[in-house]
């Protein structure tokens, strides 16, 4: 049937279109007459995914320190770790985003141990929930749980002259941190966490060459000695032809990660940068599985974290973070 009033060069889908296919008819006319051509039918129109975000954050709303008040205004808790300075507001600040808005800058603090790393972080964005690991239940904040299907979307910038890439093993900016909750109960070692960050080449004398965005994916069966895991691979940001892309300074990256958290092949993982799909596997273990068959939930946070050869100071900026049950809930269309 014909859609009344649909005569413009574009058409916005409506609720009445759900369950139907659409065709476009174009009529051309000249002095000798007119002719009409029809397009092929579209795929069946489906309703948009529903769901509200679980967390919707915009810089610079953060709280330095802890709060046990569940009625406190939305905020990230902020901290400086592994540092001689401890919890210090000097390393978490508000800066301009380049277009009249604000961003939150995390700057690495001096480390008290030159052989270890240090981080400044924003974490624990979601209300407490009950989670189960190793047969026990506990109340904890910012945890994932088996069966969760979650979309994460954030905007991050690496400011030139401020961010210093290094070749250290943990240049982390967003991490799903292993909880270690109950990890020693059955003498089953944990394994390091999946994260988004920057990878660089170099030597000790000249570190930080050829920086690029990466996602370090880890999941599946952990070896009984804790030295390896079933899935452990790095995905570098690439263009449509598969070429690895260099890190862009002063660019606001729009990054999306989708996890369906499962300890078996019913899990799923997708990663997008600036709207371009970087990796997709809709049948992959996404949780760590230990020697006794159990899994743990993950905490979540945004970091400026460098280890072993960290440069002081080095800053990274965040503008937004949205977490939700569907792509639509975080404003993203795959």
C-alpha atoms as a PDB file:
ATOM      1  CA  UNK A   1       0.000   0.000   0.000  1.00  0.00           C
ATOM      2  CA  UNK A   2       1.139   3.540  -0.618  1.00  0.00           C
ATOM      3  CA  UNK A   3       2.465   5.596   2.329  1.00  0.00           C
ATOM      4  CA  UNK A   4       0.673   8.935   2.437  1.00  0.00           C
ATOM      5  CA  UNK A   5       2.991  11.921   2.220  1.00  0.00           C
ATOM      6  CA  UNK A   6       6.144   9.872   1.586  1.00  0.00           C
ATOM      7  CA  UNK A   7       7.309  11.945  -1.382  1.00  0.00           C
ATOM      8  CA  UNK A   8      10.577  13.441  -0.101  1.00  0.00           C
ATOM      9  CA  UNK A   9      14.079  12.185  -1.007  1.00  0.00           C
ATOM     10  CA  UNK A  10      14.318  10.539   2.432  1.00  0.00           C
ATOM     11  CA  UNK A  11      11.817   8.741   4.657  1.00  0.00           C
ATOM     12  CA  UNK A  12      11.895   8.070   8.412  1.00  0.00           C
ATOM     13  CA  UNK A  13      10.569   4.665   9.386  1.00  0.00           C
ATOM     14  CA  UNK A  14       7.467   4.651  11.590  1.00  0.00           C
ATOM     15  CA  UNK A  15       5.869   2.136  13.945  1.00  0.00           C
ATOM     16  CA  UNK A  16       3.305   1.297  11.271  1.00  0.00           C
ATOM     17  CA  UNK A  17       6.113   0.019   9.031  1.00  0.00           C
ATOM     18  CA  UNK A  18       7.209  -2.737  11.439  1.00  0.00           C
ATOM     19  CA  UNK A  19       6.659  -6.161   9.876  1.00  0.00           C
ATOM     20  CA  UNK A  20       6.479  -4.817   6.332  1.00  0.00           C
ATOM     21  CA  UNK A  21       8.881  -4.419   3.422  1.00  0.00           C
ATOM     22  CA  UNK A  22       9.334  -1.129   1.568  1.00  0.00           C
ATOM     23  CA  UNK A  23       9.893  -0.182  -2.070  1.00  0.00           C
ATOM     24  CA  UNK A  24      10.811   3.155  -3.580  1.00  0.00           C
ATOM     25  CA  UNK A  25       9.092   4.329  -6.759  1.00  0.00           C
ATOM     26  CA  UNK A  26      10.733   7.049  -8.852  1.00  0.00           C
ATOM     27  CA  UNK A  27       8.979   8.792 -11.713  1.00  0.00           C
ATOM     28  CA  UNK A  28      10.956  10.662 -14.354  1.00  0.00           C
ATOM     29  CA  UNK A  29       9.279  13.059 -16.767  1.00  0.00           C
ATOM     30  CA  UNK A  30      10.299  15.027 -19.837  1.00  0.00           C
ATOM     31  CA  UNK A  31       8.653  16.556 -22.894  1.00  0.00           C
ATOM     32  CA  UNK A  32       7.911  13.161 -24.408  1.00  0.00           C
ATOM     33  CA  UNK A  33       6.227  11.642 -21.372  1.00  0.00           C
ATOM     34  CA  UNK A  34       7.028   9.921 -18.070  1.00  0.00           C
ATOM     35  CA  UNK A  35       8.103   6.523 -16.728  1.00  0.00           C
ATOM     36  CA  UNK A  36       8.172   4.966 -13.246  1.00  0.00           C
ATOM     37  CA  UNK A  37      10.775   2.553 -11.874  1.00  0.00           C
ATOM     38  CA  UNK A  38      10.567   0.522  -8.650  1.00  0.00           C
ATOM     39  CA  UNK A  39      13.388  -0.563  -6.335  1.00  0.00           C
ATOM     40  CA  UNK A  40      13.757  -4.043  -4.951  1.00  0.00           C
ATOM     41  CA  UNK A  41      11.888  -4.674  -1.722  1.00  0.00           C
ATOM     42  CA  UNK A  42      13.719  -3.891   1.509  1.00  0.00           C
ATOM     43  CA  UNK A  43      14.199  -6.406   4.245  1.00  0.00           C
ATOM     44  CA  UNK A  44      11.394  -6.701   6.785  1.00  0.00           C
ATOM     45  CA  UNK A  45      11.305  -3.646   9.050  1.00  0.00           C
ATOM     46  CA  UNK A  46      11.897  -4.557  12.697  1.00  0.00           C
ATOM     47  CA  UNK A  47      11.139  -2.556  15.819  1.00  0.00           C
ATOM     48  CA  UNK A  48      14.067  -0.717  17.412  1.00  0.00           C
ATOM     49  CA  UNK A  49      15.719  -2.462  20.346  1.00  0.00           C
ATOM     50  CA  UNK A  50      14.421  -1.246  23.653  1.00  0.00           C
ATOM     51  CA  UNK A  51      16.221  -0.744  26.906  1.00  0.00           C
ATOM     52  CA  UNK A  52      17.498   2.104  28.996  1.00  0.00           C
ATOM     53  CA  UNK A  53      21.196   2.531  29.726  1.00  0.00           C
ATOM     54  CA  UNK A  54      22.410   1.042  32.979  1.00  0.00           C
ATOM     55  CA  UNK A  55      24.865   3.916  33.230  1.00  0.00           C
ATOM     56  CA  UNK A  56      25.022   7.217  31.337  1.00  0.00           C
ATOM     57  CA  UNK A  57      27.994   9.380  32.288  1.00  0.00           C
ATOM     58  CA  UNK A  58      29.382  12.624  30.896  1.00  0.00           C
ATOM     59  CA  UNK A  59      32.541  14.381  32.080  1.00  0.00           C
ATOM     60  CA  UNK A  60      33.477  15.774  34.513  1.00  0.00           C
ATOM     61  CA  UNK A  61      31.140  14.178  37.065  1.00  0.00           C
ATOM     62  CA  UNK A  62      33.316  12.174  39.430  1.00  0.00           C
ATOM     63  CA  UNK A  63      33.853  11.775  43.147  1.00  0.00           C
ATOM     64  CA  UNK A  64      37.346  11.464  44.558  1.00  0.00           C
ATOM     65  CA  UNK A  65      37.204   8.620  47.031  1.00  0.00           C
ATOM     66  CA  UNK A  66      34.671   6.074  48.191  1.00  0.00           C
ATOM     67  CA  UNK A  67      30.999   6.326  49.014  1.00  0.00           C
ATOM     68  CA  UNK A  68      28.677   3.770  50.552  1.00  0.00           C
ATOM     69  CA  UNK A  69      25.642   5.981  49.907  1.00  0.00           C
ATOM     70  CA  UNK A  70      23.479   4.260  47.284  1.00  0.00           C
ATOM     71  CA  UNK A  71      21.444   7.472  46.924  1.00  0.00           C
ATOM     72  CA  UNK A  72      24.468   9.579  46.006  1.00  0.00           C
ATOM     73  CA  UNK A  73      24.294  11.387  42.643  1.00  0.00           C
ATOM     74  CA  UNK A  74      25.664   9.474  39.680  1.00  0.00           C
ATOM     75  CA  UNK A  75      29.416   9.536  39.723  1.00  0.00           C
ATOM     76  CA  UNK A  76      32.578   7.569  39.143  1.00  0.00           C
ATOM     77  CA  UNK A  77      34.780   6.914  42.120  1.00  0.00           C
ATOM     78  CA  UNK A  78      38.319   8.048  41.421  1.00  0.00           C
ATOM     79  CA  UNK A  79      41.624   6.897  42.825  1.00  0.00           C
ATOM     80  CA  UNK A  80      45.362   6.846  42.283  1.00  0.00           C
ATOM     81  CA  UNK A  81      46.965   3.451  42.901  1.00  0.00           C
ATOM     82  CA  UNK A  82      50.492   2.086  43.377  1.00  0.00           C
ATOM     83  CA  UNK A  83      51.670   5.632  43.874  1.00  0.00           C
ATOM     84  CA  UNK A  84      53.816   7.516  46.344  1.00  0.00           C
ATOM     85  CA  UNK A  85      51.078  10.153  46.493  1.00  0.00           C
ATOM     86  CA  UNK A  86      48.128   7.868  47.227  1.00  0.00           C
ATOM     87  CA  UNK A  87      44.644   9.275  46.555  1.00  0.00           C
ATOM     88  CA  UNK A  88      45.327  12.695  45.070  1.00  0.00           C
ATOM     89  CA  UNK A  89      43.070  15.091  43.133  1.00  0.00           C
ATOM     90  CA  UNK A  90      46.112  16.510  41.330  1.00  0.00           C
ATOM     91  CA  UNK A  91      45.991  13.547  38.956  1.00  0.00           C
ATOM     92  CA  UNK A  92      42.282  13.792  38.073  1.00  0.00           C
ATOM     93  CA  UNK A  93      41.244  17.084  36.518  1.00  0.00           C
ATOM     94  CA  UNK A  94      38.747  18.763  34.199  1.00  0.00           C
ATOM     95  CA  UNK A  95      39.913  19.980  30.779  1.00  0.00           C
ATOM     96  CA  UNK A  96      38.198  21.307  27.666  1.00  0.00           C
ATOM     97  CA  UNK A  97      37.053  18.840  25.014  1.00  0.00           C
ATOM     98  CA  UNK A  98      37.946  21.170  22.117  1.00  0.00           C
ATOM     99  CA  UNK A  99      34.363  22.103  21.276  1.00  0.00           C
ATOM    100  CA  UNK A 100      33.223  24.065  24.312  1.00  0.00           C
ATOM    101  CA  UNK A 101      32.476  21.064  26.528  1.00  0.00           C
ATOM    102  CA  UNK A 102      34.400  19.320  29.294  1.00  0.00           C
ATOM    103  CA  UNK A 103      36.489  16.190  29.614  1.00  0.00           C
ATOM    104  CA  UNK A 104      38.035  14.390  32.563  1.00  0.00           C
ATOM    105  CA  UNK A 105      41.797  13.932  32.369  1.00  0.00           C
ATOM    106  CA  UNK A 106      43.519  11.078  34.185  1.00  0.00           C
ATOM    107  CA  UNK A 107      47.239  11.728  34.650  1.00  0.00           C
ATOM    108  CA  UNK A 108      49.604   9.045  35.852  1.00  0.00           C
ATOM    109  CA  UNK A 109      51.087   9.760  39.247  1.00  0.00           C
ATOM    110  CA  UNK A 110      54.743   9.165  40.149  1.00  0.00           C
ATOM    111  CA  UNK A 111      55.298   5.605  41.248  1.00  0.00           C
ATOM    112  CA  UNK A 112      56.868   4.756  44.580  1.00  0.00           C
ATOM    113  CA  UNK A 113      58.539   1.739  42.989  1.00  0.00           C
ATOM    114  CA  UNK A 114      60.423   2.295  39.747  1.00  0.00           C
ATOM    115  CA  UNK A 115      59.977  -1.331  38.728  1.00  0.00           C
ATOM    116  CA  UNK A 116      56.195  -1.404  38.960  1.00  0.00           C
ATOM    117  CA  UNK A 117      53.378   0.461  37.305  1.00  0.00           C
ATOM    118  CA  UNK A 118      50.898   2.993  38.504  1.00  0.00           C
ATOM    119  CA  UNK A 119      47.431   4.076  37.493  1.00  0.00           C
ATOM    120  CA  UNK A 120      44.826   6.737  37.924  1.00  0.00           C
ATOM    121  CA  UNK A 121      41.323   5.391  37.496  1.00  0.00           C
ATOM    122  CA  UNK A 122      37.604   6.068  37.392  1.00  0.00           C
ATOM    123  CA  UNK A 123      35.700   2.975  38.452  1.00  0.00           C
ATOM    124  CA  UNK A 124      32.664   1.436  40.138  1.00  0.00           C
ATOM    125  CA  UNK A 125      30.052   3.197  38.013  1.00  0.00           C
ATOM    126  CA  UNK A 126      27.051   0.979  38.735  1.00  0.00           C
ATOM    127  CA  UNK A 127      25.024   0.171  41.851  1.00  0.00           C
ATOM    128  CA  UNK A 128      25.911  -2.788  44.022  1.00  0.00           C
ATOM    129  CA  UNK A 129      24.532  -6.172  43.013  1.00  0.00           C
ATOM    130  CA  UNK A 130      24.678  -9.721  44.275  1.00  0.00           C
ATOM    131  CA  UNK A 131      27.136 -11.907  42.388  1.00  0.00           C
ATOM    132  CA  UNK A 132      28.058 -15.542  42.773  1.00  0.00           C
ATOM    133  CA  UNK A 133      31.485 -17.085  42.342  1.00  0.00           C
ATOM    134  CA  UNK A 134      32.890 -20.355  43.650  1.00  0.00           C
ATOM    135  CA  UNK A 135      29.551 -21.270  45.138  1.00  0.00           C
ATOM    136  CA  UNK A 136      29.350 -18.200  47.385  1.00  0.00           C
ATOM    137  CA  UNK A 137      27.263 -15.052  46.987  1.00  0.00           C
ATOM    138  CA  UNK A 138      28.490 -11.563  47.831  1.00  0.00           C
ATOM    139  CA  UNK A 139      27.335  -7.987  47.314  1.00  0.00           C
ATOM    140  CA  UNK A 140      29.765  -5.999  45.200  1.00  0.00           C
ATOM    141  CA  UNK A 141      29.829  -2.931  42.971  1.00  0.00           C
ATOM    142  CA  UNK A 142      30.456  -2.639  39.212  1.00  0.00           C
ATOM    143  CA  UNK A 143      30.360  -6.371  38.602  1.00  0.00           C
ATOM    144  CA  UNK A 144      29.296  -8.286  35.545  1.00  0.00           C
ATOM    145  CA  UNK A 145      27.648 -11.667  35.952  1.00  0.00           C
ATOM    146  CA  UNK A 146      27.114 -14.748  33.824  1.00  0.00           C
ATOM    147  CA  UNK A 147      24.241 -14.208  31.392  1.00  0.00           C
ATOM    148  CA  UNK A 148      24.629 -10.423  31.196  1.00  0.00           C
ATOM    149  CA  UNK A 149      24.412  -9.034  27.657  1.00  0.00           C
ATOM    150  CA  UNK A 150      26.020  -5.602  27.864  1.00  0.00           C
ATOM    151  CA  UNK A 151      27.063  -2.820  25.493  1.00  0.00           C
ATOM    152  CA  UNK A 152      29.798  -0.398  26.566  1.00  0.00           C
ATOM    153  CA  UNK A 153      30.397   2.862  24.672  1.00  0.00           C
ATOM    154  CA  UNK A 154      32.991   5.466  25.556  1.00  0.00           C
ATOM    155  CA  UNK A 155      34.792   8.464  24.055  1.00  0.00           C
ATOM    156  CA  UNK A 156      38.495   8.763  24.735  1.00  0.00           C
ATOM    157  CA  UNK A 157      41.226  11.159  23.551  1.00  0.00           C
ATOM    158  CA  UNK A 158      45.013  10.888  23.668  1.00  0.00           C
ATOM    159  CA  UNK A 159      46.161  14.532  23.833  1.00  0.00           C
ATOM    160  CA  UNK A 160      49.362  15.368  21.980  1.00  0.00           C
ATOM    161  CA  UNK A 161      52.165  16.537  24.248  1.00  0.00           C
ATOM    162  CA  UNK A 162      50.351  14.982  27.217  1.00  0.00           C
ATOM    163  CA  UNK A 163      49.844  11.306  26.411  1.00  0.00           C
ATOM    164  CA  UNK A 164      53.119   9.372  26.162  1.00  0.00           C
ATOM    165  CA  UNK A 165      52.834   5.859  24.678  1.00  0.00           C
ATOM    166  CA  UNK A 166      55.127   3.244  26.157  1.00  0.00           C
ATOM    167  CA  UNK A 167      56.023  -0.339  25.363  1.00  0.00           C
ATOM    168  CA  UNK A 168      55.046  -1.611  28.818  1.00  0.00           C
ATOM    169  CA  UNK A 169      52.856  -4.673  29.001  1.00  0.00           C
ATOM    170  CA  UNK A 170      49.830  -3.006  30.571  1.00  0.00           C
ATOM    171  CA  UNK A 171      49.026   0.262  28.808  1.00  0.00           C
ATOM    172  CA  UNK A 172      45.387   0.022  29.819  1.00  0.00           C
ATOM    173  CA  UNK A 173      42.569   2.532  29.311  1.00  0.00           C
ATOM    174  CA  UNK A 174      39.394   0.477  29.797  1.00  0.00           C
ATOM    175  CA  UNK A 175      39.481  -2.823  31.644  1.00  0.00           C
ATOM    176  CA  UNK A 176      37.159  -5.599  32.732  1.00  0.00           C
ATOM    177  CA  UNK A 177      39.226  -6.461  35.760  1.00  0.00           C
ATOM    178  CA  UNK A 178      39.209  -9.953  37.178  1.00  0.00           C
ATOM    179  CA  UNK A 179      37.549  -9.817  40.571  1.00  0.00           C
ATOM    180  CA  UNK A 180      39.745 -12.443  42.280  1.00  0.00           C
ATOM    181  CA  UNK A 181      36.658 -13.041  44.413  1.00  0.00           C
ATOM    182  CA  UNK A 182      37.072 -16.517  45.872  1.00  0.00           C
ATOM    183  CA  UNK A 183      40.031 -17.211  43.614  1.00  0.00           C
ATOM    184  CA  UNK A 184      41.975 -19.239  46.171  1.00  0.00           C
ATOM    185  CA  UNK A 185      39.077 -21.315  47.503  1.00  0.00           C
ATOM    186  CA  UNK A 186      39.791 -24.326  45.306  1.00  0.00           C
ATOM    187  CA  UNK A 187      43.458 -23.538  44.657  1.00  0.00           C
ATOM    188  CA  UNK A 188      42.661 -22.427  41.102  1.00  0.00           C
ATOM    189  CA  UNK A 189      44.808 -19.502  39.957  1.00  0.00           C
ATOM    190  CA  UNK A 190      43.273 -16.475  38.245  1.00  0.00           C
ATOM    191  CA  UNK A 191      44.516 -14.965  34.987  1.00  0.00           C
ATOM    192  CA  UNK A 192      45.011 -11.392  33.783  1.00  0.00           C
ATOM    193  CA  UNK A 193      42.093  -9.403  32.412  1.00  0.00           C
ATOM    194  CA  UNK A 194      40.773  -8.305  29.002  1.00  0.00           C
ATOM    195  CA  UNK A 195      41.329  -4.613  28.242  1.00  0.00           C
ATOM    196  CA  UNK A 196      41.304  -1.801  25.673  1.00  0.00           C
ATOM    197  CA  UNK A 197      44.405   0.364  25.374  1.00  0.00           C
ATOM    198  CA  UNK A 198      47.477   1.284  23.359  1.00  0.00           C
ATOM    199  CA  UNK A 199      50.271  -0.960  22.159  1.00  0.00           C
ATOM    200  CA  UNK A 200      53.667   0.439  21.128  1.00  0.00           C
ATOM    201  CA  UNK A 201      57.027  -0.866  19.949  1.00  0.00           C
ATOM    202  CA  UNK A 202      60.508   0.286  20.883  1.00  0.00           C
ATOM    203  CA  UNK A 203      63.393  -0.435  23.170  1.00  0.00           C
ATOM    204  CA  UNK A 204      64.118   0.547  26.733  1.00  0.00           C
ATOM    205  CA  UNK A 205      66.165   3.461  25.416  1.00  0.00           C
ATOM    206  CA  UNK A 206      63.537   4.555  22.878  1.00  0.00           C
ATOM    207  CA  UNK A 207      60.125   3.217  23.879  1.00  0.00           C
ATOM    208  CA  UNK A 208      56.737   4.162  22.526  1.00  0.00           C
ATOM    209  CA  UNK A 209      57.218   3.913  18.754  1.00  0.00           C
ATOM    210  CA  UNK A 210      54.390   3.038  16.319  1.00  0.00           C
ATOM    211  CA  UNK A 211      51.537   3.360  18.860  1.00  0.00           C
ATOM    212  CA  UNK A 212      48.138   1.902  17.892  1.00  0.00           C
ATOM    213  CA  UNK A 213      44.818   1.152  19.582  1.00  0.00           C
ATOM    214  CA  UNK A 214      44.289  -2.444  20.607  1.00  0.00           C
ATOM    215  CA  UNK A 215      41.834  -4.714  22.355  1.00  0.00           C
ATOM    216  CA  UNK A 216      43.548  -7.491  24.316  1.00  0.00           C
ATOM    217  CA  UNK A 217      40.955 -10.246  24.481  1.00  0.00           C
ATOM    218  CA  UNK A 218      41.277 -12.988  27.089  1.00  0.00           C
ATOM    219  CA  UNK A 219      38.781 -15.676  28.051  1.00  0.00           C
ATOM    220  CA  UNK A 220      38.119 -19.374  28.457  1.00  0.00           C
ATOM    221  CA  UNK A 221      39.870 -22.186  30.281  1.00  0.00           C
ATOM    222  CA  UNK A 222      42.759 -21.088  32.489  1.00  0.00           C
ATOM    223  CA  UNK A 223      45.658 -23.526  32.786  1.00  0.00           C
ATOM    224  CA  UNK A 224      45.940 -25.173  36.188  1.00  0.00           C
ATOM    225  CA  UNK A 225      49.236 -23.371  36.793  1.00  0.00           C
ATOM    226  CA  UNK A 226      47.741 -20.009  35.786  1.00  0.00           C
ATOM    227  CA  UNK A 227      50.332 -19.393  33.063  1.00  0.00           C
ATOM    228  CA  UNK A 228      48.031 -19.477  30.031  1.00  0.00           C
ATOM    229  CA  UNK A 229      44.417 -19.200  28.950  1.00  0.00           C
ATOM    230  CA  UNK A 230      42.367 -20.650  26.104  1.00  0.00           C
ATOM    231  CA  UNK A 231      41.734 -17.356  24.253  1.00  0.00           C
ATOM    232  CA  UNK A 232      44.499 -14.745  24.467  1.00  0.00           C
ATOM    233  CA  UNK A 233      44.937 -12.502  21.433  1.00  0.00           C
ATOM    234  CA  UNK A 234      45.404  -8.845  20.499  1.00  0.00           C
ATOM    235  CA  UNK A 235      43.215  -7.053  17.962  1.00  0.00           C
ATOM    236  CA  UNK A 236      44.794  -3.877  16.574  1.00  0.00           C
ATOM    237  CA  UNK A 237      42.576  -1.141  15.150  1.00  0.00           C
ATOM    238  CA  UNK A 238      42.494  -1.495  11.368  1.00  0.00           C
ATOM    239  CA  UNK A 239      40.875   0.125   8.349  1.00  0.00           C
ATOM    240  CA  UNK A 240      38.479  -1.543   5.928  1.00  0.00           C
ATOM    241  CA  UNK A 241      41.397  -3.144   4.069  1.00  0.00           C
ATOM    242  CA  UNK A 242      42.889  -4.682   7.195  1.00  0.00           C
ATOM    243  CA  UNK A 243      45.739  -2.183   7.555  1.00  0.00           C
ATOM    244  CA  UNK A 244      46.728  -1.373  11.145  1.00  0.00           C
ATOM    245  CA  UNK A 245      45.983   2.268  11.900  1.00  0.00           C
ATOM    246  CA  UNK A 246      48.389   4.469  13.878  1.00  0.00           C
ATOM    247  CA  UNK A 247      47.197   6.173  17.044  1.00  0.00           C
ATOM    248  CA  UNK A 248      45.549   9.531  16.314  1.00  0.00           C
ATOM    249  CA  UNK A 249      46.415  12.177  18.857  1.00  0.00           C
ATOM    250  CA  UNK A 250      43.792  14.808  19.808  1.00  0.00           C
ATOM    251  CA  UNK A 251      41.057  12.696  18.184  1.00  0.00           C
ATOM    252  CA  UNK A 252      37.950  11.735  20.115  1.00  0.00           C
ATOM    253  CA  UNK A 253      37.659   8.005  19.529  1.00  0.00           C
ATOM    254  CA  UNK A 254      34.123   6.600  19.720  1.00  0.00           C
ATOM    255  CA  UNK A 255      34.636   3.069  21.012  1.00  0.00           C
ATOM    256  CA  UNK A 256      32.007   0.360  21.505  1.00  0.00           C
ATOM    257  CA  UNK A 257      32.433  -3.093  23.035  1.00  0.00           C
ATOM    258  CA  UNK A 258      29.648  -5.652  23.258  1.00  0.00           C
ATOM    259  CA  UNK A 259      29.944  -8.612  25.615  1.00  0.00           C
ATOM    260  CA  UNK A 260      27.564 -11.466  26.268  1.00  0.00           C
ATOM    261  CA  UNK A 261      29.151 -12.847  29.411  1.00  0.00           C
ATOM    262  CA  UNK A 262      29.241 -16.649  29.304  1.00  0.00           C
ATOM    263  CA  UNK A 263      31.833 -19.305  30.264  1.00  0.00           C
ATOM    264  CA  UNK A 264      30.966 -21.384  27.168  1.00  0.00           C
ATOM    265  CA  UNK A 265      30.461 -20.867  23.442  1.00  0.00           C
ATOM    266  CA  UNK A 266      27.125 -19.111  23.956  1.00  0.00           C
ATOM    267  CA  UNK A 267      29.105 -15.945  24.748  1.00  0.00           C
ATOM    268  CA  UNK A 268      29.681 -13.129  22.247  1.00  0.00           C
ATOM    269  CA  UNK A 269      32.135 -10.289  21.715  1.00  0.00           C
ATOM    270  CA  UNK A 270      32.201  -7.357  19.293  1.00  0.00           C
ATOM    271  CA  UNK A 271      34.479  -4.310  19.112  1.00  0.00           C
ATOM    272  CA  UNK A 272      33.946  -1.120  17.076  1.00  0.00           C
ATOM    273  CA  UNK A 273      36.061   2.025  16.664  1.00  0.00           C
ATOM    274  CA  UNK A 274      34.462   5.134  15.158  1.00  0.00           C
ATOM    275  CA  UNK A 275      31.590   3.020  13.882  1.00  0.00           C
ATOM    276  CA  UNK A 276      33.793   0.463  12.105  1.00  0.00           C
ATOM    277  CA  UNK A 277      33.660  -3.161  13.188  1.00  0.00           C
ATOM    278  CA  UNK A 278      37.078  -4.369  14.345  1.00  0.00           C
ATOM    279  CA  UNK A 279      36.192  -7.864  15.543  1.00  0.00           C
ATOM    280  CA  UNK A 280      33.121 -10.038  15.957  1.00  0.00           C
ATOM    281  CA  UNK A 281      32.665 -13.532  17.355  1.00  0.00           C
ATOM    282  CA  UNK A 282      29.123 -14.472  18.347  1.00  0.00           C
ATOM    283  CA  UNK A 283      30.063 -17.913  19.654  1.00  0.00           C
ATOM    284  CA  UNK A 284      33.012 -17.533  22.008  1.00  0.00           C
ATOM    285  CA  UNK A 285      33.700 -17.976  25.709  1.00  0.00           C
ATOM    286  CA  UNK A 286      33.885 -14.540  27.306  1.00  0.00           C
ATOM    287  CA  UNK A 287      34.451 -15.450  30.948  1.00  0.00           C
ATOM    288  CA  UNK A 288      37.519 -17.019  32.543  1.00  0.00           C
ATOM    289  CA  UNK A 289      36.989 -20.670  33.508  1.00  0.00           C
ATOM    290  CA  UNK A 290      39.130 -22.209  36.239  1.00  0.00           C
ATOM    291  CA  UNK A 291      40.446 -25.660  37.074  1.00  0.00           C
ATOM    292  CA  UNK A 292      37.274 -26.573  39.008  1.00  0.00           C
ATOM    293  CA  UNK A 293      34.947 -25.345  36.232  1.00  0.00           C
ATOM    294  CA  UNK A 294      33.857 -22.149  37.968  1.00  0.00           C
ATOM    295  CA  UNK A 295      34.065 -18.578  36.637  1.00  0.00           C
ATOM    296  CA  UNK A 296      34.336 -15.160  38.225  1.00  0.00           C
ATOM    297  CA  UNK A 297      32.547 -11.887  37.493  1.00  0.00           C
ATOM    298  CA  UNK A 298      34.455  -8.777  36.420  1.00  0.00           C
ATOM    299  CA  UNK A 299      34.743  -5.266  37.776  1.00  0.00           C
ATOM    300  CA  UNK A 300      34.907  -2.398  35.302  1.00  0.00           C
ATOM    301  CA  UNK A 301      36.741   0.897  35.077  1.00  0.00           C
ATOM    302  CA  UNK A 302      38.433   3.568  32.986  1.00  0.00           C
ATOM    303  CA  UNK A 303      42.171   3.931  33.560  1.00  0.00           C
ATOM    304  CA  UNK A 304      45.396   5.627  32.689  1.00  0.00           C
ATOM    305  CA  UNK A 305      47.638   2.713  33.566  1.00  0.00           C
ATOM    306  CA  UNK A 306      51.218   2.046  32.489  1.00  0.00           C
ATOM    307  CA  UNK A 307      53.509  -0.593  33.873  1.00  0.00           C
ATOM    308  CA  UNK A 308      57.229  -1.280  34.068  1.00  0.00           C
ATOM    309  CA  UNK A 309      58.379   1.644  31.934  1.00  0.00           C
ATOM    310  CA  UNK A 310      55.636   4.183  32.623  1.00  0.00           C
ATOM    311  CA  UNK A 311      56.251   7.820  31.764  1.00  0.00           C
ATOM    312  CA  UNK A 312      55.388  10.495  34.347  1.00  0.00           C
ATOM    313  CA  UNK A 313      53.297  12.414  33.725  1.00  0.00           C
ATOM    314  CA  UNK A 314      51.154  10.989  30.926  1.00  0.00           C
ATOM    315  CA  UNK A 315      47.491  11.879  30.558  1.00  0.00           C
ATOM    316  CA  UNK A 316      44.431  10.505  28.775  1.00  0.00           C
ATOM    317  CA  UNK A 317      41.000  12.177  28.479  1.00  0.00           C
ATOM    318  CA  UNK A 318      37.475  10.757  28.767  1.00  0.00           C
ATOM    319  CA  UNK A 319      34.271  12.506  27.753  1.00  0.00           C
ATOM    320  CA  UNK A 320      31.420   9.978  28.026  1.00  0.00           C
ATOM    321  CA  UNK A 321      30.715   6.427  29.103  1.00  0.00           C
ATOM    322  CA  UNK A 322      27.431   4.612  28.483  1.00  0.00           C
ATOM    323  CA  UNK A 323      26.646   1.073  29.594  1.00  0.00           C
ATOM    324  CA  UNK A 324      23.420  -0.638  28.610  1.00  0.00           C
ATOM    325  CA  UNK A 325      21.642  -3.890  27.722  1.00  0.00           C
ATOM    326  CA  UNK A 326      21.297  -3.142  23.992  1.00  0.00           C
ATOM    327  CA  UNK A 327      23.141  -1.210  21.290  1.00  0.00           C
ATOM    328  CA  UNK A 328      20.167   1.141  21.077  1.00  0.00           C
ATOM    329  CA  UNK A 329      20.366   1.878  24.815  1.00  0.00           C
ATOM    330  CA  UNK A 330      23.846   3.379  24.366  1.00  0.00           C
ATOM    331  CA  UNK A 331      22.884   5.246  21.195  1.00  0.00           C
ATOM    332  CA  UNK A 332      24.759   2.950  18.812  1.00  0.00           C
ATOM    333  CA  UNK A 333      23.685   1.326  15.556  1.00  0.00           C
ATOM    334  CA  UNK A 334      25.899  -1.634  14.561  1.00  0.00           C
END
